[in-house]
PDB file of N, CA and C in Angstrom:
ATOM      1  N   MET A   1      92.638   3.931 183.998  1.00  0.00           N
ATOM      2  CA  MET A   1      93.451   4.985 182.885  1.00  0.00           C
ATOM      3  C   MET A   1      93.360   4.080 181.414  1.00  0.00           C
ATOM      4  N   PRO A   2      93.078   5.191 180.881  1.00  0.00           N
ATOM      5  CA  PRO A   2      92.594   5.005 179.664  1.00  0.00           C
ATOM      6  C   PRO A   2      93.421   4.690 178.625  1.00  0.00           C
ATOM      7  N   PRO A   3      93.127   3.533 177.832  1.00  0.00           N
ATOM      8  CA  PRO A   3      94.681   3.090 176.820  1.00  0.00           C
ATOM      9  C   PRO A   3      94.567   4.250 175.958  1.00  0.00           C
ATOM     10  N   GLY A   4      95.801   4.208 175.561  1.00  0.00           N
ATOM     11  CA  GLY A   4      95.941   5.381 174.031  1.00  0.00           C
ATOM     12  C   GLY A   4      97.730   5.790 174.171  1.00  0.00           C
ATOM     13  N   PRO A   5      97.807   6.303 173.454  1.00  0.00           N
ATOM     14  CA  PRO A   5      99.419   6.557 173.301  1.00  0.00           C
ATOM     15  C   PRO A   5      99.777   7.827 174.423  1.00  0.00           C
ATOM     16  N   SER A   6     101.114   7.402 174.805  1.00  0.00           N
ATOM     17  CA  SER A   6     102.188   8.068 175.984  1.00  0.00           C
ATOM     18  C   SER A   6     102.128   9.225 175.530  1.00  0.00           C
ATOM     19  N   PRO A   7     101.938  10.403 176.525  1.00  0.00           N
ATOM     20  CA  PRO A   7     102.407  11.395 175.738  1.00  0.00           C
ATOM     21  C   PRO A   7     103.436  11.378 176.865  1.00  0.00           C
ATOM     22  N   ALA A   8     104.267  10.941 177.377  1.00  0.00           N
ATOM     23  CA  ALA A   8     105.114  11.082 178.189  1.00  0.00           C
ATOM     24  C   ALA A   8     106.609  10.629 177.286  1.00  0.00           C
ATOM     25  N   PRO A   9     107.684  11.075 177.881  1.00  0.00           N
ATOM     26  CA  PRO A   9     108.882  11.394 175.858  1.00  0.00           C
ATOM     27  C   PRO A   9     109.333   9.828 176.171  1.00  0.00           C
ATOM     28  N   SER A  10     109.985   9.760 175.228  1.00  0.00           N
ATOM     29  CA  SER A  10     110.536   8.516 175.090  1.00  0.00           C
ATOM     30  C   SER A  10     111.913   8.301 176.178  1.00  0.00           C
ATOM     31  N   THR A  11     112.060   6.782 175.579  1.00  0.00           N
ATOM     32  CA  THR A  11     113.495   6.828 176.880  1.00  0.00           C
ATOM     33  C   THR A  11     114.370   7.576 176.237  1.00  0.00           C
ATOM     34  N   SER A  12     114.294   8.302 175.163  1.00  0.00           N
ATOM     35  CA  SER A  12     116.222   8.377 174.632  1.00  0.00           C
ATOM     36  C   SER A  12     115.857   9.708 175.065  1.00  0.00           C
ATOM     37  N   THR A  13     114.737  10.477 175.141  1.00  0.00           N
ATOM     38  CA  THR A  13     115.172  11.486 176.036  1.00  0.00           C
ATOM     39  C   THR A  13     115.120  12.168 177.289  1.00  0.00           C
ATOM     40  N   GLN A  14     115.630  12.849 177.332  1.00  0.00           N
ATOM     41  CA  GLN A  14     116.063  13.783 178.627  1.00  0.00           C
ATOM     42  C   GLN A  14     115.531  14.584 178.917  1.00  0.00           C
ATOM     43  N   VAL A  15     115.287  15.286 180.497  1.00  0.00           N
ATOM     44  CA  VAL A  15     115.173  16.623 180.600  1.00  0.00           C
ATOM     45  C   VAL A  15     116.032  16.974 181.784  1.00  0.00           C
ATOM     46  N   THR A  16     116.901  18.216 181.301  1.00  0.00           N
ATOM     47  CA  THR A  16     117.812  18.303 182.322  1.00  0.00           C
ATOM     48  C   THR A  16     117.261  19.865 182.932  1.00  0.00           C
ATOM     49  N   ALA A  17     117.357  19.862 184.541  1.00  0.00           N
ATOM     50  CA  ALA A  17     116.981  21.053 185.567  1.00  0.00           C
ATOM     51  C   ALA A  17     118.415  21.121 185.568  1.00  0.00           C
ATOM     52  N   PHE A  18     118.802  23.001 185.862  1.00  0.00           N
ATOM     53  CA  PHE A  18     119.794  23.498 186.338  1.00  0.00           C
ATOM     54  C   PHE A  18     119.216  24.177 187.095  1.00  0.00           C
ATOM     55  N   THR A  19     120.071  23.500 188.961  1.00  0.00           N
ATOM     56  CA  THR A  19     119.253  24.879 190.314  1.00  0.00           C
ATOM     57  C   THR A  19     120.595  25.145 190.600  1.00  0.00           C
ATOM     58  N   ASP A  20     120.842  26.512 191.034  1.00  0.00           N
ATOM     59  CA  ASP A  20     122.173  26.429 191.474  1.00  0.00           C
ATOM     60  C   ASP A  20     123.119  26.383 190.655  1.00  0.00           C
ATOM     61  N   GLY A  21     122.839  26.572 189.570  1.00  0.00           N
ATOM     62  CA  GLY A  21     124.142  25.648 188.481  1.00  0.00           C
ATOM     63  C   GLY A  21     123.940  24.320 188.759  1.00  0.00           C
ATOM     64  N   VAL A  22     123.746  23.170 189.460  1.00  0.00           N
ATOM     65  CA  VAL A  22     123.888  22.036 189.743  1.00  0.00           C
ATOM     66  C   VAL A  22     122.755  21.220 188.264  1.00  0.00           C
ATOM     67  N   ALA A  23     123.761  21.084 187.232  1.00  0.00           N
ATOM     68  CA  ALA A  23     122.170  19.901 186.192  1.00  0.00           C
ATOM     69  C   ALA A  23     121.960  18.801 187.073  1.00  0.00           C
ATOM     70  N   THR A  24     120.277  18.732 186.733  1.00  0.00           N
ATOM     71  CA  THR A  24     119.821  17.287 187.055  1.00  0.00           C
ATOM     72  C   THR A  24     119.275  16.914 186.038  1.00  0.00           C
ATOM     73  N   VAL A  25     119.319  15.868 185.456  1.00  0.00           N
ATOM     74  CA  VAL A  25     118.755  14.898 185.024  1.00  0.00           C
ATOM     75  C   VAL A  25     117.854  14.444 185.094  1.00  0.00           C
ATOM     76  N   PHE A  26     116.572  14.024 184.204  1.00  0.00           N
ATOM     77  CA  PHE A  26     115.288  13.244 184.386  1.00  0.00           C
ATOM     78  C   PHE A  26     115.350  12.320 182.766  1.00  0.00           C
ATOM     79  N   THR A  27     114.707  11.198 183.182  1.00  0.00           N
ATOM     80  CA  THR A  27     114.682  10.363 182.174  1.00  0.00           C
ATOM     81  C   THR A  27     113.157   9.275 182.279  1.00  0.00           C
ATOM     82  N   TRP A  28     112.625   9.408 181.449  1.00  0.00           N
ATOM     83  CA  TRP A  28     111.661   8.258 181.473  1.00  0.00           C
ATOM     84  C   TRP A  28     111.814   7.191 180.538  1.00  0.00           C
ATOM     85  N   GLU A  29     111.167   6.143 181.267  1.00  0.00           N
ATOM     86  CA  GLU A  29     111.554   4.469 180.962  1.00  0.00           C
ATOM     87  C   GLU A  29     110.424   4.689 179.206  1.00  0.00           C
ATOM     88  N   GLU A  30     110.586   3.812 178.662  1.00  0.00           N
ATOM     89  CA  GLU A  30     110.101   3.637 177.255  1.00  0.00           C
ATOM     90  C   GLU A  30     108.742   3.261 177.673  1.00  0.00           C
ATOM     91  N   GLY A  31     107.428   3.840 177.062  1.00  0.00           N
ATOM     92  CA  GLY A  31     105.839   3.407 177.407  1.00  0.00           C
ATOM     93  C   GLY A  31     105.983   3.946 178.840  1.00  0.00           C
ATOM     94  N   ALA A  32     106.266   4.612 179.280  1.00  0.00           N
ATOM     95  CA  ALA A  32     105.210   5.573 181.278  1.00  0.00           C
ATOM     96  C   ALA A  32     104.536   5.701 180.504  1.00  0.00           C
ATOM     97  N   ARG A  33     103.128   5.555 181.597  1.00  0.00           N
ATOM     98  CA  ARG A  33     101.845   5.938 181.400  1.00  0.00           C
ATOM     99  C   ARG A  33     101.756   6.944 183.003  1.00  0.00           C
ATOM    100  N   ILE A  34     101.597   7.893 183.262  1.00  0.00           N
ATOM    101  CA  ILE A  34     101.266   8.136 184.530  1.00  0.00           C
ATOM    102  C   ILE A  34     100.646   9.781 184.230  1.00  0.00           C
ATOM    103  N   GLU A  35      99.760   8.615 185.065  1.00  0.00           N
ATOM    104  CA  GLU A  35      97.820   9.581 186.124  1.00  0.00           C
ATOM    105  C   GLU A  35      97.775   9.956 187.259  1.00  0.00           C
ATOM    106  N   VAL A  36      97.472  10.873 187.044  1.00  0.00           N
ATOM    107  CA  VAL A  36      97.626  11.841 188.373  1.00  0.00           C
ATOM    108  C   VAL A  36      96.409  12.906 188.646  1.00  0.00           C
ATOM    109  N   ARG A  37      95.531  11.860 189.792  1.00  0.00           N
ATOM    110  CA  ARG A  37      94.266  12.649 189.985  1.00  0.00           C
ATOM    111  C   ARG A  37      93.735  13.084 191.229  1.00  0.00           C
ATOM    112  N   ASN A  38      93.029  14.261 191.693  1.00  0.00           N
ATOM    113  CA  ASN A  38      92.865  15.346 192.397  1.00  0.00           C
ATOM    114  C   ASN A  38      91.438  14.958 192.923  1.00  0.00           C
ATOM    115  N   LEU A  39      91.370  13.617 193.974  1.00  0.00           N
ATOM    116  CA  LEU A  39      89.839  13.538 194.387  1.00  0.00           C
ATOM    117  C   LEU A  39      89.605  14.411 195.344  1.00  0.00           C
ATOM    118  N   GLY A  40      90.272  15.647 195.493  1.00  0.00           N
ATOM    119  CA  GLY A  40      89.463  16.396 197.036  1.00  0.00           C
ATOM    120  C   GLY A  40      90.887  16.566 198.017  1.00  0.00           C
ATOM    121  N   ARG A  41      90.427  15.495 198.740  1.00  0.00           N
ATOM    122  CA  ARG A  41      91.218  15.085 200.447  1.00  0.00           C
ATOM    123  C   ARG A  41      91.983  13.300 200.038  1.00  0.00           C
ATOM    124  N   GLU A  42      92.124  13.432 198.743  1.00  0.00           N
ATOM    125  CA  GLU A  42      93.150  12.565 198.411  1.00  0.00           C
ATOM    126  C   GLU A  42      93.892  12.836 197.128  1.00  0.00           C
ATOM    127  N   ILE A  43      95.207  12.276 196.495  1.00  0.00           N
ATOM    128  CA  ILE A  43      95.633  13.031 195.145  1.00  0.00           C
ATOM    129  C   ILE A  43      95.659  11.187 195.308  1.00  0.00           C
ATOM    130  N   VAL A  44      95.980  10.933 193.537  1.00  0.00           N
ATOM    131  CA  VAL A  44      95.729   9.773 193.312  1.00  0.00           C
ATOM    132  C   VAL A  44      96.800   9.549 192.051  1.00  0.00           C
ATOM    133  N   ILE A  45      97.769   8.662 191.894  1.00  0.00           N
ATOM    134  CA  ILE A  45      99.074   8.806 191.377  1.00  0.00           C
ATOM    135  C   ILE A  45      98.589   6.868 190.515  1.00  0.00           C
ATOM    136  N   GLU A  46      98.098   7.071 189.511  1.00  0.00           N
ATOM    137  CA  GLU A  46      98.062   5.707 188.463  1.00  0.00           C
ATOM    138  C   GLU A  46      99.306   5.548 187.935  1.00  0.00           C
ATOM    139  N   ALA A  47     100.062   4.165 187.639  1.00  0.00           N
ATOM    140  CA  ALA A  47     101.461   4.236 186.423  1.00  0.00           C
ATOM    141  C   ALA A  47     100.697   2.653 186.250  1.00  0.00           C
ATOM    142  N   ASN A  48     101.536   2.618 184.711  1.00  0.00           N
ATOM    143  CA  ASN A  48     101.943   1.444 184.664  1.00  0.00           C
ATOM    144  C   ASN A  48     103.724   0.856 185.123  1.00  0.00           C
ATOM    145  N   SER A  49     104.407   0.182 184.784  1.00  0.00           N
ATOM    146  CA  SER A  49     105.436  -0.554 185.117  1.00  0.00           C
ATOM    147  C   SER A  49     106.358   0.321 185.089  1.00  0.00           C
ATOM    148  N   ALA A  50     106.384   0.870 183.555  1.00  0.00           N
ATOM    149  CA  ALA A  50     106.835   1.831 183.242  1.00  0.00           C
ATOM    150  C   ALA A  50     106.873   3.023 183.959  1.00  0.00           C
ATOM    151  N   GLY A  51     106.318   3.575 183.715  1.00  0.00           N
ATOM    152  CA  GLY A  51     105.527   4.705 184.635  1.00  0.00           C
ATOM    153  C   GLY A  51     106.230   4.690 186.668  1.00  0.00           C
ATOM    154  N   LEU A  52     105.687   3.748 187.430  1.00  0.00           N
ATOM    155  CA  LEU A  52     106.070   4.002 188.206  1.00  0.00           C
ATOM    156  C   LEU A  52     107.652   3.605 188.832  1.00  0.00           C
ATOM    157  N   LYS A  53     108.417   2.924 187.354  1.00  0.00           N
ATOM    158  CA  LYS A  53     110.116   3.159 187.890  1.00  0.00           C
ATOM    159  C   LYS A  53     110.679   4.819 187.128  1.00  0.00           C
ATOM    160  N   THR A  54     109.704   5.102 186.137  1.00  0.00           N
ATOM    161  CA  THR A  54     110.063   6.663 185.537  1.00  0.00           C
ATOM    162  C   THR A  54     109.977   7.747 187.119  1.00  0.00           C
ATOM    163  N   LEU A  55     109.018   7.369 188.054  1.00  0.00           N
ATOM    164  CA  LEU A  55     108.816   8.431 189.167  1.00  0.00           C
ATOM    165  C   LEU A  55     109.894   7.958 190.024  1.00  0.00           C
ATOM    166  N   ALA A  56     110.269   6.414 190.479  1.00  0.00           N
ATOM    167  CA  ALA A  56     110.938   6.383 191.252  1.00  0.00           C
ATOM    168  C   ALA A  56     112.129   6.948 190.578  1.00  0.00           C
ATOM    169  N   GLY A  57     113.085   6.654 189.192  1.00  0.00           N
ATOM    170  CA  GLY A  57     113.941   7.569 189.429  1.00  0.00           C
ATOM    171  C   GLY A  57     113.545   8.956 188.872  1.00  0.00           C
ATOM    172  N   HIS A  58     113.181   9.252 189.026  1.00  0.00           N
ATOM    173  CA  HIS A  58     112.956  10.916 189.159  1.00  0.00           C
ATOM    174  C   HIS A  58     113.129  11.327 190.666  1.00  0.00           C
ATOM    175  N   LEU A  59     112.555  10.561 191.556  1.00  0.00           N
ATOM    176  CA  LEU A  59     112.534  11.037 193.334  1.00  0.00           C
ATOM    177  C   LEU A  59     114.190  10.348 193.506  1.00  0.00           C
ATOM    178  N   LEU A  60     114.663   9.403 192.911  1.00  0.00           N
ATOM    179  CA  LEU A  60     116.119   9.104 192.942  1.00  0.00           C
ATOM    180  C   LEU A  60     117.361  10.260 192.754  1.00  0.00           C
ATOM    181  N   THR A  61     116.635  10.762 191.659  1.00  0.00           N
ATOM    182  CA  THR A  61     117.577  11.869 190.978  1.00  0.00           C
ATOM    183  C   THR A  61     117.177  13.058 192.101  1.00  0.00           C
ATOM    184  N   LEU A  62     116.196  13.464 192.474  1.00  0.00           N
ATOM    185  CA  LEU A  62     116.368  14.524 193.626  1.00  0.00           C
ATOM    186  C   LEU A  62     116.874  14.038 194.585  1.00  0.00           C
ATOM    187  N   ALA A  63     116.856  12.762 195.592  1.00  0.00           N
ATOM    188  CA  ALA A  63     118.050  12.703 196.486  1.00  0.00           C
ATOM    189  C   ALA A  63     119.419  12.630 196.307  1.00  0.00           C
ATOM    190  N   GLN A  64     119.645  12.620 194.944  1.00  0.00           N
ATOM    191  CA  GLN A  64     121.405  12.576 195.463  1.00  0.00           C
ATOM    192  C   GLN A  64     121.843  13.299 196.088  1.00  0.00           C
ATOM    193  N   ASP A  65     123.245  12.572 195.580  1.00  0.00           N
ATOM    194  CA  ASP A  65     123.700  13.762 196.917  1.00  0.00           C
ATOM    195  C   ASP A  65     124.603  15.187 196.369  1.00  0.00           C
ATOM    196  N   GLY A  66     124.904  16.194 196.698  1.00  0.00           N
ATOM    197  CA  GLY A  66     124.669  17.449 195.601  1.00  0.00           C
ATOM    198  C   GLY A  66     123.841  17.639 194.625  1.00  0.00           C
ATOM    199  N   THR A  67     122.766  17.327 194.944  1.00  0.00           N
ATOM    200  CA  THR A  67     121.022  17.432 194.251  1.00  0.00           C
ATOM    201  C   THR A  67     120.576  19.367 195.404  1.00  0.00           C
ATOM    202  N   PRO A  68     120.742  20.161 195.152  1.00  0.00           N
ATOM    203  CA  PRO A  68     120.333  21.279 195.786  1.00  0.00           C
ATOM    204  C   PRO A  68     118.954  21.253 196.378  1.00  0.00           C
ATOM    205  N   ASP A  69     118.783  22.104 197.450  1.00  0.00           N
ATOM    206  CA  ASP A  69     117.808  22.552 198.030  1.00  0.00           C
ATOM    207  C   ASP A  69     116.793  23.130 196.960  1.00  0.00           C
ATOM    208  N   GLY A  70     115.780  22.480 196.948  1.00  0.00           N
ATOM    209  CA  GLY A  70     114.435  23.501 195.732  1.00  0.00           C
ATOM    210  C   GLY A  70     114.877  22.896 194.712  1.00  0.00           C
ATOM    211  N   ALA A  71     115.816  22.205 193.712  1.00  0.00           N
ATOM    212  CA  ALA A  71     115.827  20.993 192.561  1.00  0.00           C
ATOM    213  C   ALA A  71     113.835  20.743 192.525  1.00  0.00           C
ATOM    214  N   HIS A  72     113.561  20.693 191.780  1.00  0.00           N
ATOM    215  CA  HIS A  72     112.619  20.410 191.300  1.00  0.00           C
ATOM    216  C   HIS A  72     111.836  19.968 189.613  1.00  0.00           C
ATOM    217  N   LEU A  73     110.835  19.014 189.393  1.00  0.00           N
ATOM    218  CA  LEU A  73     110.553  19.065 188.517  1.00  0.00           C
ATOM    219  C   LEU A  73     109.239  18.870 188.236  1.00  0.00           C
ATOM    220  N   HIS A  74     108.810  19.617 187.484  1.00  0.00           N
ATOM    221  CA  HIS A  74     107.324  19.450 186.692  1.00  0.00           C
ATOM    222  C   HIS A  74     106.530  18.581 186.259  1.00  0.00           C
ATOM    223  N   LEU A  75     105.503  18.177 186.755  1.00  0.00           N
ATOM    224  CA  LEU A  75     104.613  17.072 185.108  1.00  0.00           C
ATOM    225  C   LEU A  75     103.481  17.835 185.457  1.00  0.00           C
ATOM    226  N   GLU A  76     102.924  17.760 183.847  1.00  0.00           N
ATOM    227  CA  GLU A  76     101.762  18.152 184.104  1.00  0.00           C
ATOM    228  C   GLU A  76     100.999  17.255 182.586  1.00  0.00           C
ATOM    229  N   GLU A  77     100.095  17.735 181.935  1.00  0.00           N
ATOM    230  CA  GLU A  77      98.912  17.367 181.208  1.00  0.00           C
ATOM    231  C   GLU A  77     100.231  17.359 179.368  1.00  0.00           C
ATOM    232  N   HIS A  78      99.921  16.934 179.152  1.00  0.00           N
ATOM    233  CA  HIS A  78     101.289  16.278 177.956  1.00  0.00           C
ATOM    234  C   HIS A  78     102.539  17.108 178.136  1.00  0.00           C
ATOM    235  N   ASN A  79     102.762  16.770 179.329  1.00  0.00           N
ATOM    236  CA  ASN A  79     104.570  16.814 179.675  1.00  0.00           C
ATOM    237  C   ASN A  79     104.840  15.774 180.925  1.00  0.00           C
ATOM    238  N   GLY A  80     105.106  14.491 180.727  1.00  0.00           N
ATOM    239  CA  GLY A  80     104.932  13.809 181.627  1.00  0.00           C
ATOM    240  C   GLY A  80     103.844  12.587 181.759  1.00  0.00           C
ATOM    241  N   LEU A  81     103.259  13.725 181.295  1.00  0.00           N
ATOM    242  CA  LEU A  81     101.661  12.365 182.193  1.00  0.00           C
ATOM    243  C   LEU A  81     100.253  12.670 181.329  1.00  0.00           C
ATOM    244  N   GLU A  82      99.323  11.885 181.525  1.00  0.00           N
ATOM    245  CA  GLU A  82      98.540  11.455 180.500  1.00  0.00           C
ATOM    246  C   GLU A  82      97.110  12.818 180.855  1.00  0.00           C
ATOM    247  N   ALA A  83      96.705  12.695 179.407  1.00  0.00           N
ATOM    248  CA  ALA A  83      95.545  13.691 179.318  1.00  0.00           C
ATOM    249  C   ALA A  83      94.148  13.731 180.662  1.00  0.00           C
ATOM    250  N   GLY A  84      94.283  15.047 181.221  1.00  0.00           N
ATOM    251  CA  GLY A  84      93.583  14.755 182.090  1.00  0.00           C
ATOM    252  C   GLY A  84      93.471  14.661 183.247  1.00  0.00           C
ATOM    253  N   SER A  85      95.172  14.927 183.480  1.00  0.00           N
ATOM    254  CA  SER A  85      96.130  14.182 184.900  1.00  0.00           C
ATOM    255  C   SER A  85      95.755  15.921 185.382  1.00  0.00           C
ATOM    256  N   ALA A  86      95.987  15.591 186.766  1.00  0.00           N
ATOM    257  CA  ALA A  86      96.278  17.303 187.787  1.00  0.00           C
ATOM    258  C   ALA A  86      97.795  17.551 187.899  1.00  0.00           C
ATOM    259  N   SER A  87      98.126  18.213 188.065  1.00  0.00           N
ATOM    260  CA  SER A  87      99.556  18.730 187.708  1.00  0.00           C
ATOM    261  C   SER A  87     100.269  18.289 189.474  1.00  0.00           C
ATOM    262  N   LEU A  88     101.525  17.597 189.031  1.00  0.00           N
ATOM    263  CA  LEU A  88     102.468  17.046 189.964  1.00  0.00           C
ATOM    264  C   LEU A  88     103.619  17.796 190.212  1.00  0.00           C
ATOM    265  N   VAL A  89     104.365  18.639 191.452  1.00  0.00           N
ATOM    266  CA  VAL A  89     105.772  19.219 191.547  1.00  0.00           C
ATOM    267  C   VAL A  89     106.052  18.311 192.430  1.00  0.00           C
ATOM    268  N   LEU A  90     107.369  17.702 191.862  1.00  0.00           N
ATOM    269  CA  LEU A  90     108.524  16.524 192.933  1.00  0.00           C
ATOM    270  C   LEU A  90     109.371  17.520 193.020  1.00  0.00           C
ATOM    271  N   GLU A  91     109.688  18.025 194.449  1.00  0.00           N
ATOM    272  CA  GLU A  91     110.888  18.853 195.027  1.00  0.00           C
ATOM    273  C   GLU A  91     111.492  18.756 196.049  1.00  0.00           C
ATOM    274  N   ARG A  92     112.599  19.167 195.724  1.00  0.00           N
ATOM    275  CA  ARG A  92     113.299  18.448 197.239  1.00  0.00           C
ATOM    276  C   ARG A  92     113.695  19.600 198.005  1.00  0.00           C
ATOM    277  N   CYS A  93     113.545  18.978 199.243  1.00  0.00           N
ATOM    278  CA  CYS A  93     113.217  20.167 200.278  1.00  0.00           C
ATOM    279  C   CYS A  93     113.901  19.736 201.040  1.00  0.00           C
ATOM    280  N   ASP A  94     115.722  20.349 202.012  1.00  0.00           N
ATOM    281  CA  ASP A  94     116.581  20.103 203.282  1.00  0.00           C
ATOM    282  C   ASP A  94     115.507  20.653 204.348  1.00  0.00           C
ATOM    283  N   ASP A  95     115.101  21.030 204.268  1.00  0.00           N
ATOM    284  CA  ASP A  95     114.895  22.202 205.625  1.00  0.00           C
ATOM    285  C   ASP A  95     113.919  21.182 206.359  1.00  0.00           C
ATOM    286  N   GLU A  96     114.048  21.364 207.933  1.00  0.00           N
ATOM    287  CA  GLU A  96     113.272  20.469 208.694  1.00  0.00           C
ATOM    288  C   GLU A  96     112.370  21.121 209.675  1.00  0.00           C
TER     289      GLU A  96
END
């Protein structure tokens, strides 16, 4: 991951998404850096400690009781991910 400023929102920034009228709040750790690379048959998610905590928090938020099926978060270059990253969607799906 190249050094440089992080495009991730600051720790005071939260994103609130609404699915079926239920609010889901996603928060970024200060200094989070997350890069997603598509290597063809393999996806690499590379992150610093704050970035890994941020991703873990996003996944735990989606896993909370009461979060509706289909709730999701789009992460993209300059919107939570490092420049040059492939887009990433985290989505809850309760269908078996």
